[in-house]
Protein backbone atom coordinates (compact mmCIF):
# COMPACT_ATOMS: atom_id res chain seq x y z
CA MET A 1 1.51 -71.55 -23.74
CA SER A 2 2.87 -68.16 -24.77
CA ALA A 3 4.36 -65.70 -22.33
CA ARG A 4 1.47 -63.38 -23.17
CA GLY A 5 -1.08 -66.08 -22.34
CA LEU A 6 0.64 -66.68 -19.03
CA GLN A 7 0.64 -62.94 -18.31
CA VAL A 8 -3.09 -62.69 -19.00
CA GLY A 9 -3.89 -65.58 -16.69
CA LEU A 10 -1.60 -64.49 -13.88
CA THR A 11 -2.70 -60.84 -13.96
CA ALA A 12 -6.36 -61.77 -13.69
CA ALA A 13 -5.69 -64.44 -11.08
CA SER A 14 -3.78 -61.95 -8.93
CA VAL A 15 -7.10 -60.30 -8.12
CA GLY A 16 -7.39 -63.26 -5.74
CA VAL A 17 -4.83 -61.49 -3.51
CA ILE A 18 -7.41 -58.80 -2.80
CA TYR A 19 -10.11 -61.35 -2.02
CA GLY A 20 -7.83 -63.28 0.32
CA TYR A 21 -6.64 -60.15 2.10
CA ASP A 22 -10.20 -59.05 2.79
CA LEU A 23 -11.18 -62.48 4.13
CA SER A 24 -8.40 -62.57 6.70
CA ILE A 25 -7.93 -58.92 7.65
CA ILE A 26 -11.41 -58.75 9.16
CA ALA A 27 -10.38 -61.48 11.62
CA GLY A 28 -7.68 -59.22 13.04
CA ALA A 29 -9.53 -55.92 12.68
CA GLN A 30 -12.59 -57.32 14.43
CA LEU A 31 -10.64 -57.89 17.65
CA PHE A 32 -9.99 -54.14 17.97
CA VAL A 33 -13.20 -52.83 16.39
CA THR A 34 -14.99 -54.82 19.08
CA GLU A 35 -13.07 -52.92 21.76
CA ASP A 36 -13.46 -49.47 20.18
CA PHE A 37 -17.17 -49.77 19.33
CA GLY A 38 -18.16 -52.13 22.19
CA LEU A 39 -19.61 -54.82 19.92
CA SER A 40 -21.73 -57.70 21.18
CA THR A 41 -21.39 -61.26 19.79
CA ARG A 42 -24.29 -60.68 17.38
CA GLN A 43 -22.76 -57.37 16.21
CA GLN A 44 -19.43 -59.10 15.59
CA GLU A 45 -21.23 -61.70 13.46
CA LEU A 46 -23.07 -58.91 11.63
CA LEU A 47 -19.81 -57.11 10.88
CA THR A 48 -18.40 -60.29 9.32
CA THR A 49 -21.63 -61.18 7.54
CA MET A 50 -22.21 -57.74 5.99
CA ALA A 51 -19.41 -58.19 3.45
CA VAL A 52 -20.85 -61.60 2.52
CA ILE A 53 -24.29 -60.06 1.95
CA GLY A 54 -22.61 -57.57 -0.38
CA GLN A 55 -20.88 -60.43 -2.17
CA ILE A 56 -24.24 -62.12 -2.76
CA ALA A 57 -25.59 -58.98 -4.40
CA GLY A 58 -22.42 -58.59 -6.48
CA ALA A 59 -22.43 -62.21 -7.57
CA PHE A 60 -26.10 -62.05 -8.54
CA GLY A 61 -25.46 -59.28 -11.06
CA ALA A 62 -21.91 -60.15 -12.09
CA GLY A 63 -22.84 -62.47 -14.95
CA VAL A 64 -25.01 -59.86 -16.64
CA LEU A 65 -22.33 -57.19 -16.09
CA ALA A 66 -19.57 -59.39 -17.55
CA ASN A 67 -21.62 -60.07 -20.69
CA ALA A 68 -22.60 -56.41 -21.07
CA ILE A 69 -19.28 -54.55 -20.67
CA GLY A 70 -16.76 -57.39 -20.91
CA ARG A 71 -14.66 -59.43 -18.53
CA LYS A 72 -11.72 -57.03 -18.48
CA LYS A 73 -13.74 -53.84 -17.82
CA SER A 74 -15.68 -55.64 -15.09
CA VAL A 75 -12.45 -56.52 -13.28
CA ALA A 76 -11.15 -52.95 -13.67
CA LEU A 77 -14.39 -51.60 -12.18
CA VAL A 78 -13.98 -54.00 -9.26
CA LEU A 79 -10.45 -52.77 -8.51
CA VAL A 80 -11.45 -49.11 -8.41
CA GLY A 81 -14.54 -49.81 -6.30
CA TYR A 82 -12.65 -52.03 -3.90
CA ALA A 83 -9.96 -49.40 -3.25
CA ALA A 84 -12.54 -46.66 -2.61
CA CYS A 85 -14.57 -48.82 -0.22
CA ALA A 86 -11.46 -49.96 1.66
CA LEU A 87 -10.66 -46.33 2.43
CA LEU A 88 -14.28 -45.67 3.43
CA GLY A 89 -14.02 -48.47 6.00
CA ALA A 90 -10.72 -47.16 7.31
CA PHE A 91 -12.27 -43.75 8.07
CA ALA A 92 -15.50 -45.11 9.58
CA VAL A 93 -16.57 -43.23 12.71
CA SER A 94 -19.51 -45.44 13.67
CA LEU A 95 -20.68 -49.02 13.31
CA PRO A 96 -23.34 -48.17 10.67
CA MET A 97 -20.71 -46.43 8.53
CA LEU A 98 -18.36 -49.40 8.88
CA LEU A 99 -21.16 -51.83 8.02
CA THR A 100 -21.94 -49.80 4.89
CA ALA A 101 -18.29 -49.89 3.81
CA ARG A 102 -18.14 -53.65 4.41
CA PHE A 103 -21.29 -54.17 2.32
CA LEU A 104 -19.90 -52.14 -0.60
CA ILE A 105 -16.53 -53.86 -0.48
CA GLY A 106 -18.38 -57.17 -0.52
CA LEU A 107 -20.28 -55.99 -3.59
CA ALA A 108 -16.98 -55.44 -5.44
CA ILE A 109 -15.60 -58.81 -4.33
CA GLY A 110 -18.79 -60.58 -5.39
CA VAL A 111 -18.32 -59.34 -8.93
CA SER A 112 -14.62 -60.24 -8.97
CA ILE A 113 -14.98 -63.84 -7.89
CA VAL A 114 -17.48 -64.48 -10.67
CA VAL A 115 -15.70 -62.61 -13.44
CA VAL A 116 -12.03 -63.46 -12.75
CA PRO A 117 -12.35 -67.27 -13.07
CA VAL A 118 -14.37 -66.76 -16.26
CA TYR A 119 -11.69 -64.40 -17.62
CA VAL A 120 -8.95 -66.91 -16.84
CA ALA A 121 -10.88 -69.89 -18.22
CA GLU A 122 -11.61 -68.09 -21.47
CA SER A 123 -8.04 -66.86 -21.86
CA ALA A 124 -6.17 -70.11 -21.14
CA PRO A 125 -5.42 -73.04 -23.48
CA ALA A 126 -7.10 -76.31 -22.45
CA ALA A 127 -3.77 -77.94 -21.53
CA VAL A 128 -3.09 -75.46 -18.72
CA ARG A 129 -6.54 -74.07 -17.97
CA GLY A 130 -6.86 -76.03 -14.73
CA SER A 131 -3.44 -74.88 -13.57
CA LEU A 132 -4.14 -71.20 -14.23
CA LEU A 133 -7.51 -71.38 -12.50
CA THR A 134 -5.68 -72.91 -9.56
CA VAL A 135 -3.27 -69.95 -9.57
CA TYR A 136 -6.31 -67.83 -8.67
CA GLN A 137 -6.64 -69.87 -5.48
CA LEU A 138 -2.88 -69.55 -4.87
CA ALA A 139 -3.23 -65.78 -5.08
CA THR A 140 -6.21 -65.91 -2.71
CA VAL A 141 -4.28 -67.93 -0.12
CA SER A 142 -1.32 -65.56 -0.46
CA GLY A 143 -3.72 -62.70 0.26
CA LEU A 144 -4.93 -64.56 3.36
CA ILE A 145 -1.37 -64.78 4.65
CA VAL A 146 -0.70 -61.09 3.97
CA GLY A 147 -3.91 -60.18 5.77
CA TYR A 148 -3.11 -62.19 8.90
CA LEU A 149 0.49 -60.91 9.00
CA THR A 150 -0.68 -57.32 8.52
CA GLY A 151 -3.12 -57.80 11.38
CA TYR A 152 -0.35 -59.18 13.57
CA ALA A 153 2.04 -56.35 12.67
CA LEU A 154 -0.55 -53.69 13.52
CA ALA A 155 -2.07 -55.47 16.53
CA GLY A 156 0.23 -53.79 19.05
CA ALA A 157 -1.04 -50.38 17.97
CA HIS A 158 -4.68 -51.55 17.71
CA GLY A 159 -4.45 -50.24 14.14
CA TRP A 160 -7.62 -51.67 12.65
CA ARG A 161 -8.08 -48.59 10.44
CA TRP A 162 -4.71 -49.22 8.80
CA MET A 163 -5.58 -52.90 8.43
CA LEU A 164 -8.68 -52.03 6.42
CA GLY A 165 -7.22 -49.07 4.50
CA LEU A 166 -4.10 -50.88 3.25
CA ALA A 167 -6.37 -53.12 1.17
CA ALA A 168 -6.49 -50.30 -1.38
CA VAL A 169 -2.79 -50.75 -2.22
CA PRO A 170 -2.90 -54.08 -4.12
CA ALA A 171 -6.11 -53.02 -5.90
CA MET A 172 -4.52 -49.91 -7.38
CA ALA A 173 -1.25 -51.73 -8.11
CA LEU A 174 -3.08 -54.26 -10.31
CA LEU A 175 -4.99 -51.66 -12.33
CA PRO A 176 -2.09 -50.63 -14.63
CA LEU A 177 -1.28 -54.31 -15.32
CA LEU A 178 -4.88 -55.07 -16.22
CA SER A 179 -5.11 -52.08 -18.56
CA ARG A 180 -2.60 -53.71 -20.91
CA MET A 181 -4.50 -56.99 -21.13
CA PRO A 182 -7.01 -57.85 -23.89
CA ASP A 183 -10.54 -59.00 -23.22
CA THR A 184 -11.35 -62.60 -24.14
CA ALA A 185 -11.92 -63.83 -27.67
CA ARG A 186 -15.20 -65.43 -26.58
CA TRP A 187 -16.58 -62.12 -25.33
CA TYR A 188 -15.56 -60.34 -28.53
CA VAL A 189 -17.35 -63.03 -30.55
CA LEU A 190 -20.39 -62.65 -28.29
CA LYS A 191 -20.43 -58.95 -29.29
CA GLY A 192 -19.79 -59.64 -32.99
CA ARG A 193 -16.28 -58.11 -32.95
CA LEU A 194 -14.53 -60.87 -34.90
CA ASP A 195 -11.36 -58.91 -35.72
CA ASP A 196 -10.82 -58.10 -32.06
CA ALA A 197 -11.55 -61.73 -31.20
CA ARG A 198 -8.96 -62.98 -33.67
CA ALA A 199 -6.34 -60.53 -32.36
CA ALA A 200 -7.05 -61.47 -28.73
CA LEU A 201 -6.82 -65.19 -29.51
CA LEU A 202 -3.51 -64.86 -31.34
CA ARG A 203 -2.12 -62.58 -28.67
CA VAL A 204 -2.64 -65.28 -26.07
CA GLU A 205 -1.93 -68.29 -28.33
CA PRO A 206 0.24 -67.22 -31.29
CA ASP A 207 0.25 -70.72 -32.78
CA ALA A 208 -3.50 -71.28 -32.53
CA ASN A 209 -5.63 -72.11 -35.55
CA ALA A 210 -7.58 -68.90 -35.04
CA GLU A 211 -10.19 -69.39 -37.75
CA GLU A 212 -11.09 -72.90 -36.58
CA GLU A 213 -11.38 -71.83 -32.95
CA LEU A 214 -13.44 -68.76 -33.83
CA THR A 215 -15.78 -70.96 -35.85
CA GLU A 216 -16.26 -73.30 -32.88
CA ILE A 217 -16.80 -70.40 -30.48
CA GLY A 218 -19.23 -68.74 -32.88
CA ALA A 219 -21.19 -71.97 -33.33
CA ALA A 220 -21.52 -72.38 -29.57
CA LEU A 221 -22.61 -68.77 -29.11
CA GLY A 222 -24.91 -68.82 -32.13
CA GLU A 223 -27.26 -71.40 -30.71
CA GLY A 224 -29.35 -68.74 -29.00
CA GLY A 225 -30.39 -68.60 -25.37
CA GLY A 226 -27.82 -67.45 -22.90
CA GLY A 227 -30.27 -66.57 -20.15
CA ILE A 228 -31.33 -68.01 -16.83
CA ALA A 229 -34.30 -69.76 -18.47
CA GLU A 230 -31.96 -71.93 -20.54
CA MET A 231 -30.04 -72.94 -17.42
CA LEU A 232 -33.26 -74.16 -15.79
CA ARG A 233 -34.25 -76.60 -18.53
CA PRO A 234 -32.55 -79.66 -20.09
CA PRO A 235 -29.80 -80.27 -20.99
CA TYR A 236 -28.21 -77.67 -18.69
CA LEU A 237 -30.55 -78.06 -15.74
CA ARG A 238 -28.35 -80.93 -14.55
CA ALA A 239 -25.22 -78.75 -14.81
CA THR A 240 -26.98 -75.92 -12.99
CA LEU A 241 -28.07 -78.17 -10.12
CA PHE A 242 -24.56 -79.60 -9.86
CA VAL A 243 -22.68 -76.29 -9.67
CA VAL A 244 -25.25 -74.67 -7.35
CA THR A 245 -25.03 -77.66 -4.98
CA LEU A 246 -21.23 -77.71 -5.21
CA GLY A 247 -21.04 -73.98 -4.48
CA PHE A 248 -23.19 -74.39 -1.38
CA LEU A 249 -21.15 -77.35 -0.10
CA ILE A 250 -17.84 -75.51 -0.54
CA GLN A 251 -18.88 -73.01 2.13
CA ILE A 252 -21.33 -74.84 4.39
CA THR A 253 -18.58 -77.34 5.30
CA GLY A 254 -16.94 -74.61 7.38
CA ILE A 255 -13.89 -73.08 5.67
CA ASN A 256 -14.81 -69.48 6.45
CA ALA A 257 -15.72 -70.29 10.03
CA ILE A 258 -11.98 -70.96 10.42
CA ILE A 259 -10.83 -68.01 8.31
CA TYR A 260 -13.15 -65.37 9.77
CA TYR A 261 -13.00 -66.58 13.36
CA SER A 262 -9.64 -68.34 13.64
CA PRO A 263 -8.51 -66.05 16.52
CA ARG A 264 -11.63 -67.09 18.44
CA ILE A 265 -11.07 -70.78 17.67
CA PHE A 266 -7.43 -70.69 18.78
CA GLU A 267 -8.49 -68.77 21.89
CA ALA A 268 -11.04 -71.50 22.70
CA MET A 269 -8.23 -74.08 22.38
CA GLY A 270 -6.21 -72.23 25.01
CA PHE A 271 -3.90 -70.07 22.91
CA THR A 272 -3.23 -66.48 24.05
CA GLY A 273 -1.36 -63.43 22.75
CA ASN A 274 -1.33 -61.63 19.39
CA PHE A 275 1.08 -64.09 17.77
CA ALA A 276 -1.07 -67.08 18.70
CA LEU A 277 -4.30 -65.40 17.58
CA LEU A 278 -3.03 -63.77 14.35
CA GLY A 279 0.39 -65.29 13.62
CA LEU A 280 -0.69 -68.93 13.84
CA PRO A 281 -3.48 -68.49 11.25
CA ALA A 282 -0.85 -67.07 8.89
CA LEU A 283 1.35 -70.14 9.42
CA VAL A 284 -1.62 -72.37 8.69
CA GLN A 285 -2.17 -70.57 5.38
CA VAL A 286 1.50 -71.08 4.43
CA ALA A 287 0.69 -74.79 4.40
CA GLY A 288 -2.30 -73.83 2.27
CA VAL A 289 0.06 -72.27 -0.29
CA ALA A 290 1.94 -75.57 -0.52
CA ALA A 291 -1.38 -77.37 -1.01
CA VAL A 292 -2.40 -75.02 -3.85
CA ILE A 293 0.96 -75.51 -5.58
CA ALA A 294 0.56 -79.28 -5.33
CA SER A 295 -2.96 -79.03 -6.76
CA MET A 296 -1.77 -76.70 -9.53
CA LEU A 297 0.96 -79.14 -10.58
CA LEU A 298 -1.30 -82.20 -10.49
CA VAL A 299 -4.70 -81.00 -11.70
CA ASP A 300 -3.92 -81.27 -15.43
CA ARG A 301 -2.12 -84.61 -14.91
CA LEU A 302 -4.23 -86.58 -12.45
CA GLY A 303 -7.52 -84.83 -13.16
CA ARG A 304 -10.06 -82.90 -11.14
CA ARG A 305 -11.98 -85.68 -9.40
CA PRO A 306 -9.16 -87.57 -7.57
CA ILE A 307 -7.69 -84.37 -6.12
CA LEU A 308 -11.06 -82.98 -5.09
CA LEU A 309 -12.14 -86.21 -3.37
CA CYS A 310 -8.81 -86.48 -1.56
CA GLY A 311 -9.15 -82.91 -0.27
CA ILE A 312 -12.68 -83.52 1.08
CA ALA A 313 -11.53 -86.71 2.82
CA MET A 314 -8.81 -84.69 4.56
CA MET A 315 -11.44 -82.19 5.74
CA VAL A 316 -13.51 -85.01 7.30
CA ALA A 317 -10.42 -86.33 9.10
CA ALA A 318 -9.56 -82.83 10.36
CA ASP A 319 -13.08 -82.35 11.70
CA ALA A 320 -12.73 -85.63 13.62
CA VAL A 321 -9.47 -84.42 15.18
CA LEU A 322 -11.03 -81.10 16.23
CA MET A 323 -14.06 -82.88 17.69
CA ALA A 324 -11.71 -84.98 19.86
CA VAL A 325 -9.74 -81.92 20.97
CA PHE A 326 -12.80 -79.95 22.02
CA ALA A 327 -14.77 -82.90 23.47
CA ARG A 328 -12.10 -84.36 25.71
CA GLY A 329 -9.16 -81.98 25.50
CA PHE A 330 -7.33 -84.83 23.79
CA GLY A 331 -3.92 -83.64 22.60
CA GLY A 332 -4.58 -80.08 23.75
CA ALA A 333 -3.69 -76.99 21.77
CA VAL A 334 -0.96 -78.69 19.70
CA LEU A 335 -3.32 -81.31 18.26
CA GLY A 336 -5.96 -78.62 17.79
CA PHE A 337 -3.51 -76.58 15.71
CA ALA A 338 -2.73 -79.73 13.68
CA GLY A 339 -6.46 -80.25 13.08
CA VAL A 340 -6.92 -76.72 11.78
CA LEU A 341 -3.82 -77.15 9.61
CA LEU A 342 -5.15 -80.40 8.11
CA PHE A 343 -8.53 -78.80 7.42
CA ILE A 344 -6.98 -75.85 5.60
CA VAL A 345 -4.71 -78.11 3.53
CA GLY A 346 -7.61 -80.41 2.63
CA PHE A 347 -9.89 -77.56 1.65
CA THR A 348 -7.23 -75.70 -0.30
CA VAL A 349 -6.03 -78.68 -2.31
CA GLY A 350 -9.60 -79.70 -3.10
CA PHE A 351 -12.57 -77.35 -2.93
CA GLY A 352 -10.50 -74.18 -2.79
CA SER A 353 -8.45 -74.97 -5.88
CA LEU A 354 -10.93 -76.93 -7.99
CA GLY A 355 -14.44 -75.85 -7.06
CA TRP A 356 -14.20 -72.82 -9.33
CA VAL A 357 -12.71 -74.89 -12.13
CA TYR A 358 -16.08 -76.62 -12.39
CA ALA A 359 -17.89 -73.27 -12.29
CA SER A 360 -15.93 -72.11 -15.33
CA GLU A 361 -16.01 -75.40 -17.25
CA SER A 362 -19.58 -76.64 -16.86
CA PHE A 363 -21.36 -74.29 -19.28
CA PRO A 364 -20.97 -73.15 -22.90
CA SER A 365 -19.75 -69.61 -23.55
CA ARG A 366 -23.17 -67.99 -23.65
CA LEU A 367 -23.98 -69.35 -20.17
CA ARG A 368 -20.55 -69.38 -18.54
CA SER A 369 -20.58 -66.08 -16.65
CA ILE A 370 -24.21 -66.49 -15.59
CA GLY A 371 -23.49 -70.08 -14.50
CA SER A 372 -20.52 -68.95 -12.45
CA SER A 373 -22.69 -66.24 -10.94
CA ALA A 374 -25.33 -68.83 -9.94
CA MET A 375 -22.70 -71.03 -8.31
CA LEU A 376 -21.18 -68.16 -6.42
CA THR A 377 -24.55 -66.91 -5.22
CA SER A 378 -25.23 -70.35 -3.74
CA ASN A 379 -21.73 -70.39 -2.27
CA LEU A 380 -22.20 -67.01 -0.63
CA VAL A 381 -25.58 -67.88 0.85
CA ALA A 382 -23.83 -70.74 2.68
CA ASN A 383 -20.97 -68.37 3.56
CA ALA A 384 -23.43 -65.91 5.09
CA ILE A 385 -25.07 -68.67 7.12
CA VAL A 386 -21.71 -69.77 8.56
CA ALA A 387 -20.53 -66.20 9.22
CA ALA A 388 -23.81 -65.29 10.92
CA ILE A 389 -24.08 -68.25 13.30
CA PHE A 390 -20.61 -69.70 13.95
CA LEU A 391 -19.76 -67.71 17.09
CA THR A 392 -23.19 -68.57 18.48
CA MET A 393 -22.60 -72.25 17.59
CA LEU A 394 -19.22 -72.18 19.29
CA HIS A 395 -20.75 -70.74 22.46
CA SER A 396 -23.87 -72.92 22.55
CA LEU A 397 -22.71 -76.27 21.10
CA GLY A 398 -19.05 -76.03 21.96
CA GLY A 399 -16.23 -76.75 19.53
CA ALA A 400 -17.03 -80.48 19.41
CA GLY A 401 -20.63 -79.90 18.37
CA ALA A 402 -19.74 -77.27 15.80
CA PHE A 403 -17.13 -79.42 14.08
CA ALA A 404 -19.36 -82.51 14.25
CA ALA A 405 -21.88 -80.57 12.14
CA PHE A 406 -19.15 -79.61 9.66
CA ALA A 407 -17.94 -83.23 9.49
CA SER A 408 -21.43 -84.46 8.59
CA LEU A 409 -21.72 -81.87 5.83
CA ALA A 410 -18.27 -82.79 4.48
CA VAL A 411 -19.37 -86.43 4.17
CA VAL A 412 -22.38 -85.26 2.14
CA ALA A 413 -20.01 -83.23 -0.07
CA PHE A 414 -17.82 -86.29 -0.69
CA VAL A 415 -20.83 -88.33 -1.82
CA VAL A 416 -22.08 -85.56 -4.14
CA VAL A 417 -18.69 -85.08 -5.81
CA TYR A 418 -18.11 -88.84 -6.17
CA ARG A 419 -21.51 -89.36 -7.75
CA TYR A 420 -21.98 -86.31 -9.96
CA ALA A 421 -18.69 -84.48 -10.72
CA PRO A 422 -17.37 -85.05 -14.28
CA GLU A 423 -13.71 -85.42 -15.14
CA THR A 424 -12.89 -82.56 -17.54
CA LYS A 425 -9.10 -82.89 -17.72
CA GLY A 426 -7.69 -81.89 -21.12
CA ARG A 427 -11.06 -81.26 -22.78
CA GLN A 428 -11.85 -78.11 -24.74
CA LEU A 429 -14.46 -75.84 -23.14
CA GLU A 430 -16.76 -76.31 -26.13
CA ASP A 431 -16.59 -80.13 -25.73
CA ILE A 432 -17.52 -80.31 -22.04
CA ARG A 433 -21.12 -79.38 -22.83
CA HIS A 434 -21.62 -82.85 -24.32
CA PHE A 435 -21.35 -84.42 -20.85
CA TRP A 436 -24.45 -82.54 -19.69
CA GLU A 437 -26.25 -82.94 -23.01
CA ASN A 438 -25.80 -86.71 -22.66
CA GLY A 439 -27.52 -86.93 -19.28
CA GLY A 440 -24.42 -86.61 -17.10
CA ARG A 441 -22.29 -89.14 -19.02
CA TRP A 442 -19.54 -88.73 -21.58
CA PRO A 443 -20.73 -89.75 -25.07
């Protein structure tokens, strides 16, 4: 692909840094907010969950927003909103004010994690689309690491306000880069701006047969529909059910229980001190970076299904290790750390890297942003459930019981992916629709 195409994909994918930072920084900030505001267990869960509730609201409206004002403008709006809300949280003087800031920042993130994968998918050539969508996950994991390390660096000063406020820096740094990027050819065609569509297509792929691709895009968009009603009837009802189920399984299997509450999990294993509670989660995510890179290099060679199934199998094995650690103290803290590490690697190489590939590939252009929004809404409902009850689960069921529940759900996820997930490697976005139109089989 051209250098310009690579720049478009990487700039959009870098928004994942912001998402990752927000996911992990709350784990560190919560330790000190709890002390300053005297939070109970339920209030701690509410603080974590509030951003997820905002994400649900943002995801619900993101598809309509992306179609109305464009993918690029939607991302720019997210960056500005995210920076403002990060500063609002940093200056919070009460729990209600902090909860409001967390809700609004979640709203911005909810829009971004619908729109950015769509922007990347529509900007990337088929041969590298999977790799560039995986770069979004790489950026997210990098943001996780930065968030944990920032929390560790500021832990000695109990600087939770700085932890939250520094999130504005990457958001504003990305805004000038995004301003120089085009919107996607598919969105321009959707709006009838064919000259802009042609220019955007050639800017990303100078050697493309622009007229042929614009004809194919126009034919796909010209078939009418494009609303939720079309997604709920054949042939796309099957695709809708698949991505909504996949989105729910990505979260309900427990990834954000570890990310949001990793200091609490390590503490329950017997670890103590700021490095153990905030530094170790960062080290775990370094392994996650390696897993994303491996997935990025292999996804357009081996395909989506083998990598995704392998990642879920690793999650099941990790859950079994953690069950043994918590049930009998087998292996102690060292084996517990290894279990968390294996879980993160398995999730990152599989669900984390490839779940959103399916969100962006399963629908034609007129349904793509709304389809991604539906998947993310399902994903965030499961996220909210985990965020709202995990600490209570840990206290009432113990670590063994909590991870036994996650193991059972991961087995269900493996079966669903094995039975229903299509292999889309190397196929044009406009061709993938035929899998769903043919009853879940390739013609």
